[in-house]
Amino acid sequence: MDVAREDPYNESPWRYLIGLVKEHPHPTKTQLAQTYEQSAIDLKDVLIAAERDPDGCVNLNSARIDLLQIMGKHNDAIALCTGMANQYDVIRHKYWNLRIKEMEAEATNK
């Protein structure tokens, strides 16, 4: 998280973090995802203090979406995806809409 904290707009530390979480065994995966999700939320405060819009930080929010999905919080992840598709990352709106459909399907299968 330290590297991501230095530059939250850099995609590499976020992808590395998600890879680490996904490779953990299932019981600890959710707990680890919760820990990193809380750290990502705390990082939003750092961005606000620096007068940056944390909702516009695509890489931070993309990682949060992945973490929320791992934790099974599909509604929260879908809400973030919707914001990304409609306001913050419009250039990739088709990607975000695809992610929404995938999470909706995953949520109904549980």
N, C-alpha and C. Protein backbone atom coordinates (compact mmCIF):
# COMPACT_ATOMS: atom_id res chain seq x y z
N MET A 1 0.82 -1.20 0.00
CA MET A 1 0.00 0.00 0.00
C MET A 1 0.86 1.26 0.00
N ASP A 2 2.08 1.15 0.49
CA ASP A 2 2.93 2.34 0.55
C ASP A 2 3.21 2.90 -0.84
N VAL A 3 3.46 2.03 -1.80
CA VAL A 3 3.75 2.49 -3.16
C VAL A 3 2.49 3.12 -3.77
N ALA A 4 1.35 2.49 -3.52
CA ALA A 4 0.10 3.05 -4.03
C ALA A 4 -0.20 4.39 -3.38
N ARG A 5 0.17 4.54 -2.14
CA ARG A 5 -0.05 5.81 -1.43
C ARG A 5 0.79 6.93 -2.03
N GLU A 6 2.00 6.59 -2.49
CA GLU A 6 2.88 7.60 -3.10
C GLU A 6 2.28 8.18 -4.37
N ASP A 7 1.68 7.31 -5.19
CA ASP A 7 1.07 7.77 -6.44
C ASP A 7 -0.17 6.92 -6.73
N PRO A 8 -1.31 7.30 -6.18
CA PRO A 8 -2.52 6.50 -6.36
C PRO A 8 -3.00 6.43 -7.81
N TYR A 9 -2.47 7.30 -8.66
CA TYR A 9 -2.88 7.30 -10.06
C TYR A 9 -2.08 6.30 -10.89
N ASN A 10 -1.08 5.65 -10.29
CA ASN A 10 -0.27 4.65 -10.96
C ASN A 10 -0.98 3.29 -10.85
N GLU A 11 -1.22 2.67 -11.97
CA GLU A 11 -1.97 1.42 -11.98
C GLU A 11 -1.19 0.23 -11.43
N SER A 12 0.12 0.21 -11.59
CA SER A 12 0.93 -0.96 -11.25
C SER A 12 0.79 -1.43 -9.81
N PRO A 13 0.92 -0.58 -8.80
CA PRO A 13 0.79 -1.12 -7.44
C PRO A 13 -0.60 -1.66 -7.13
N TRP A 14 -1.61 -1.08 -7.75
CA TRP A 14 -2.97 -1.57 -7.52
C TRP A 14 -3.16 -2.96 -8.12
N ARG A 15 -2.65 -3.17 -9.34
CA ARG A 15 -2.78 -4.49 -9.98
C ARG A 15 -1.99 -5.53 -9.20
N TYR A 16 -0.81 -5.15 -8.70
CA TYR A 16 0.01 -6.05 -7.89
C TYR A 16 -0.75 -6.44 -6.63
N LEU A 17 -1.35 -5.46 -5.97
CA LEU A 17 -2.13 -5.70 -4.75
C LEU A 17 -3.28 -6.66 -5.01
N ILE A 18 -4.02 -6.44 -6.08
CA ILE A 18 -5.15 -7.31 -6.41
C ILE A 18 -4.65 -8.72 -6.71
N GLY A 19 -3.53 -8.84 -7.39
CA GLY A 19 -2.95 -10.15 -7.67
C GLY A 19 -2.60 -10.88 -6.38
N LEU A 20 -2.03 -10.17 -5.42
CA LEU A 20 -1.70 -10.79 -4.13
C LEU A 20 -2.95 -11.30 -3.43
N VAL A 21 -3.98 -10.49 -3.42
CA VAL A 21 -5.22 -10.88 -2.75
C VAL A 21 -5.84 -12.09 -3.43
N LYS A 22 -5.90 -12.09 -4.75
CA LYS A 22 -6.52 -13.19 -5.49
C LYS A 22 -5.77 -14.51 -5.31
N GLU A 23 -4.48 -14.46 -5.04
CA GLU A 23 -3.68 -15.68 -4.89
C GLU A 23 -3.76 -16.29 -3.49
N HIS A 24 -4.33 -15.58 -2.53
CA HIS A 24 -4.43 -16.12 -1.17
C HIS A 24 -5.52 -17.19 -1.11
N PRO A 25 -5.38 -18.13 -0.17
CA PRO A 25 -6.45 -19.13 0.03
C PRO A 25 -7.75 -18.44 0.42
N HIS A 26 -8.84 -19.08 0.11
CA HIS A 26 -10.16 -18.45 0.26
C HIS A 26 -10.44 -17.86 1.64
N PRO A 27 -10.24 -18.57 2.76
CA PRO A 27 -10.61 -17.96 4.05
C PRO A 27 -9.88 -16.65 4.35
N THR A 28 -8.62 -16.56 3.97
CA THR A 28 -7.89 -15.33 4.26
C THR A 28 -8.04 -14.29 3.16
N LYS A 29 -8.49 -14.71 2.00
CA LYS A 29 -8.65 -13.79 0.87
C LYS A 29 -9.63 -12.67 1.20
N THR A 30 -10.76 -13.04 1.77
CA THR A 30 -11.78 -12.04 2.10
C THR A 30 -11.28 -11.09 3.19
N GLN A 31 -10.62 -11.63 4.19
CA GLN A 31 -10.09 -10.80 5.26
C GLN A 31 -9.03 -9.84 4.73
N LEU A 32 -8.16 -10.33 3.88
CA LEU A 32 -7.13 -9.49 3.28
C LEU A 32 -7.76 -8.41 2.41
N ALA A 33 -8.78 -8.77 1.65
CA ALA A 33 -9.49 -7.80 0.81
C ALA A 33 -10.12 -6.70 1.67
N GLN A 34 -10.69 -7.08 2.81
CA GLN A 34 -11.29 -6.09 3.72
C GLN A 34 -10.23 -5.12 4.26
N THR A 35 -9.08 -5.66 4.61
CA THR A 35 -8.00 -4.82 5.12
C THR A 35 -7.56 -3.81 4.07
N TYR A 36 -7.35 -4.28 2.85
CA TYR A 36 -6.90 -3.38 1.78
C TYR A 36 -7.99 -2.42 1.34
N GLU A 37 -9.24 -2.85 1.42
CA GLU A 37 -10.35 -1.94 1.08
C GLU A 37 -10.37 -0.78 2.07
N GLN A 38 -10.18 -1.08 3.36
CA GLN A 38 -10.15 -0.01 4.36
C GLN A 38 -8.97 0.93 4.12
N SER A 39 -7.83 0.37 3.73
CA SER A 39 -6.66 1.20 3.42
C SER A 39 -6.93 2.10 2.21
N ALA A 40 -7.64 1.57 1.23
CA ALA A 40 -7.99 2.36 0.04
C ALA A 40 -8.94 3.49 0.41
N ILE A 41 -9.88 3.21 1.31
CA ILE A 41 -10.80 4.26 1.78
C ILE A 41 -10.01 5.35 2.51
N ASP A 42 -9.06 4.93 3.34
CA ASP A 42 -8.22 5.90 4.05
C ASP A 42 -7.41 6.75 3.08
N LEU A 43 -7.00 6.14 1.99
CA LEU A 43 -6.22 6.86 0.98
C LEU A 43 -7.05 7.96 0.32
N LYS A 44 -8.35 7.77 0.27
CA LYS A 44 -9.23 8.81 -0.28
C LYS A 44 -9.08 10.10 0.52
N ASP A 45 -8.91 9.98 1.84
CA ASP A 45 -8.73 11.17 2.68
C ASP A 45 -7.44 11.90 2.33
N VAL A 46 -6.40 11.15 1.99
CA VAL A 46 -5.13 11.76 1.58
C VAL A 46 -5.34 12.56 0.30
N LEU A 47 -6.08 12.01 -0.64
CA LEU A 47 -6.35 12.72 -1.90
C LEU A 47 -7.18 13.98 -1.65
N ILE A 48 -8.14 13.88 -0.77
CA ILE A 48 -8.96 15.05 -0.45
C ILE A 48 -8.11 16.14 0.18
N ALA A 49 -7.20 15.75 1.08
CA ALA A 49 -6.31 16.72 1.72
C ALA A 49 -5.40 17.38 0.69
N ALA A 50 -5.07 16.66 -0.37
CA ALA A 50 -4.22 17.21 -1.45
C ALA A 50 -5.06 17.94 -2.50
N GLU A 51 -6.34 18.15 -2.18
CA GLU A 51 -7.28 18.83 -3.07
C GLU A 51 -7.44 18.11 -4.41
N ARG A 52 -7.45 16.79 -4.35
CA ARG A 52 -7.69 15.95 -5.53
C ARG A 52 -9.02 15.23 -5.33
N ASP A 53 -9.69 14.92 -6.41
CA ASP A 53 -10.96 14.22 -6.35
C ASP A 53 -10.70 12.72 -6.29
N PRO A 54 -10.94 12.06 -5.15
CA PRO A 54 -10.68 10.63 -5.06
C PRO A 54 -11.58 9.80 -5.97
N ASP A 55 -12.77 10.30 -6.26
CA ASP A 55 -13.67 9.56 -7.15
C ASP A 55 -13.15 9.55 -8.58
N GLY A 56 -12.32 10.52 -8.92
CA GLY A 56 -11.75 10.58 -10.26
C GLY A 56 -10.47 9.78 -10.41
N CYS A 57 -10.01 9.15 -9.34
CA CYS A 57 -8.80 8.34 -9.40
C CYS A 57 -9.19 6.94 -9.88
N VAL A 58 -9.09 6.75 -11.18
CA VAL A 58 -9.58 5.53 -11.82
C VAL A 58 -8.91 4.28 -11.27
N ASN A 59 -7.60 4.31 -11.08
CA ASN A 59 -6.90 3.11 -10.63
C ASN A 59 -7.25 2.74 -9.20
N LEU A 60 -7.41 3.73 -8.35
CA LEU A 60 -7.85 3.48 -6.97
C LEU A 60 -9.23 2.84 -6.98
N ASN A 61 -10.15 3.42 -7.73
CA ASN A 61 -11.51 2.90 -7.74
C ASN A 61 -11.62 1.55 -8.44
N SER A 62 -10.81 1.33 -9.44
CA SER A 62 -10.80 0.03 -10.09
C SER A 62 -10.35 -1.06 -9.11
N ALA A 63 -9.33 -0.75 -8.32
CA ALA A 63 -8.88 -1.71 -7.29
C ALA A 63 -9.95 -1.91 -6.23
N ARG A 64 -10.61 -0.84 -5.84
CA ARG A 64 -11.69 -0.97 -4.85
C ARG A 64 -12.81 -1.84 -5.37
N ILE A 65 -13.13 -1.70 -6.64
CA ILE A 65 -14.18 -2.53 -7.24
C ILE A 65 -13.78 -4.01 -7.16
N ASP A 66 -12.54 -4.31 -7.50
CA ASP A 66 -12.06 -5.69 -7.41
C ASP A 66 -12.12 -6.21 -5.98
N LEU A 67 -11.70 -5.39 -5.03
CA LEU A 67 -11.72 -5.80 -3.62
C LEU A 67 -13.15 -6.03 -3.13
N LEU A 68 -14.05 -5.13 -3.49
CA LEU A 68 -15.45 -5.29 -3.10
C LEU A 68 -16.05 -6.56 -3.71
N GLN A 69 -15.68 -6.85 -4.94
CA GLN A 69 -16.18 -8.06 -5.59
C GLN A 69 -15.65 -9.30 -4.87
N ILE A 70 -14.39 -9.30 -4.50
CA ILE A 70 -13.81 -10.43 -3.76
C ILE A 70 -14.53 -10.62 -2.43
N MET A 71 -14.90 -9.51 -1.79
CA MET A 71 -15.58 -9.58 -0.49
C MET A 71 -17.06 -9.94 -0.64
N GLY A 72 -17.56 -9.98 -1.87
CA GLY A 72 -18.96 -10.31 -2.10
C GLY A 72 -19.90 -9.13 -1.93
N LYS A 73 -19.37 -7.93 -1.90
CA LYS A 73 -20.19 -6.73 -1.78
C LYS A 73 -20.49 -6.19 -3.17
N HIS A 74 -21.31 -6.93 -3.87
CA HIS A 74 -21.57 -6.63 -5.28
C HIS A 74 -22.30 -5.30 -5.47
N ASN A 75 -23.24 -4.98 -4.59
CA ASN A 75 -23.98 -3.73 -4.75
C ASN A 75 -23.07 -2.52 -4.64
N ASP A 76 -22.13 -2.57 -3.69
CA ASP A 76 -21.18 -1.46 -3.54
C ASP A 76 -20.27 -1.36 -4.77
N ALA A 77 -19.83 -2.52 -5.25
CA ALA A 77 -18.96 -2.55 -6.44
C ALA A 77 -19.71 -2.04 -7.67
N ILE A 78 -20.96 -2.43 -7.79
CA ILE A 78 -21.77 -1.98 -8.93
C ILE A 78 -21.97 -0.47 -8.88
N ALA A 79 -22.18 0.07 -7.69
CA ALA A 79 -22.35 1.52 -7.55
C ALA A 79 -21.08 2.26 -8.00
N LEU A 80 -19.91 1.74 -7.61
CA LEU A 80 -18.65 2.36 -8.07
C LEU A 80 -18.50 2.23 -9.57
N CYS A 81 -18.83 1.06 -10.12
CA CYS A 81 -18.74 0.85 -11.57
C CYS A 81 -19.64 1.83 -12.32
N THR A 82 -20.82 2.04 -11.79
CA THR A 82 -21.76 2.96 -12.43
C THR A 82 -21.18 4.37 -12.48
N GLY A 83 -20.58 4.80 -11.39
CA GLY A 83 -19.93 6.12 -11.37
C GLY A 83 -18.79 6.20 -12.36
N MET A 84 -18.02 5.11 -12.46
CA MET A 84 -16.91 5.10 -13.40
C MET A 84 -17.44 5.20 -14.84
N ALA A 85 -18.47 4.43 -15.14
CA ALA A 85 -19.01 4.39 -16.50
C ALA A 85 -19.66 5.71 -16.91
N ASN A 86 -20.32 6.36 -15.97
CA ASN A 86 -21.12 7.53 -16.31
C ASN A 86 -20.43 8.87 -16.08
N GLN A 87 -19.38 8.88 -15.23
CA GLN A 87 -18.81 10.18 -14.90
C GLN A 87 -17.28 10.22 -14.93
N TYR A 88 -16.61 9.24 -14.34
CA TYR A 88 -15.18 9.37 -14.10
C TYR A 88 -14.27 8.70 -15.12
N ASP A 89 -14.79 7.69 -15.81
CA ASP A 89 -13.97 6.98 -16.80
C ASP A 89 -14.85 6.63 -18.00
N VAL A 90 -15.45 7.66 -18.55
CA VAL A 90 -16.44 7.50 -19.61
C VAL A 90 -15.85 6.84 -20.85
N ILE A 91 -14.56 7.05 -21.09
CA ILE A 91 -13.93 6.48 -22.28
C ILE A 91 -14.01 4.95 -22.26
N ARG A 92 -14.08 4.37 -21.05
CA ARG A 92 -14.18 2.91 -20.94
C ARG A 92 -15.54 2.47 -20.41
N HIS A 93 -16.59 3.22 -20.77
CA HIS A 93 -17.92 2.92 -20.24
C HIS A 93 -18.40 1.52 -20.61
N LYS A 94 -18.02 1.03 -21.79
CA LYS A 94 -18.43 -0.33 -22.17
C LYS A 94 -17.80 -1.37 -21.24
N TYR A 95 -16.55 -1.15 -20.88
CA TYR A 95 -15.87 -2.05 -19.95
C TYR A 95 -16.58 -2.06 -18.61
N TRP A 96 -16.89 -0.87 -18.08
CA TRP A 96 -17.53 -0.79 -16.78
C TRP A 96 -18.93 -1.40 -16.82
N ASN A 97 -19.66 -1.20 -17.90
CA ASN A 97 -20.98 -1.81 -18.03
C ASN A 97 -20.89 -3.33 -18.10
N LEU A 98 -19.85 -3.85 -18.74
CA LEU A 98 -19.61 -5.29 -18.76
C LEU A 98 -19.34 -5.80 -17.35
N ARG A 99 -18.53 -5.08 -16.60
CA ARG A 99 -18.24 -5.48 -15.21
C ARG A 99 -19.52 -5.48 -14.38
N ILE A 100 -20.39 -4.49 -14.61
CA ILE A 100 -21.67 -4.44 -13.89
C ILE A 100 -22.49 -5.68 -14.19
N LYS A 101 -22.60 -6.04 -15.45
CA LYS A 101 -23.38 -7.23 -15.84
C LYS A 101 -22.79 -8.49 -15.22
N GLU A 102 -21.47 -8.60 -15.21
CA GLU A 102 -20.81 -9.77 -14.61
C GLU A 102 -21.12 -9.86 -13.12
N MET A 103 -21.05 -8.73 -12.42
CA MET A 103 -21.32 -8.75 -10.98
C MET A 103 -22.79 -9.00 -10.67
N GLU A 104 -23.67 -8.48 -11.50
CA GLU A 104 -25.10 -8.75 -11.31
C GLU A 104 -25.37 -10.25 -11.47
N ALA A 105 -24.75 -10.87 -12.47
CA ALA A 105 -24.91 -12.31 -12.69
C ALA A 105 -24.32 -13.09 -11.53
N GLU A 106 -23.16 -12.66 -11.07
CA GLU A 106 -22.50 -13.34 -9.96
C GLU A 106 -23.34 -13.23 -8.68
N ALA A 107 -23.94 -12.07 -8.46
CA ALA A 107 -24.75 -11.85 -7.27
C ALA A 107 -26.02 -12.69 -7.29
N THR A 108 -26.61 -12.88 -8.45
CA THR A 108 -27.83 -13.67 -8.52
C THR A 108 -27.55 -15.18 -8.42
N ASN A 109 -26.33 -15.59 -8.74
CA ASN A 109 -25.96 -17.00 -8.65
C ASN A 109 -25.59 -17.42 -7.23
N LYS A 110 -25.49 -16.47 -6.32
CA LYS A 110 -25.12 -16.83 -4.93
C LYS A 110 -26.31 -16.99 -4.07
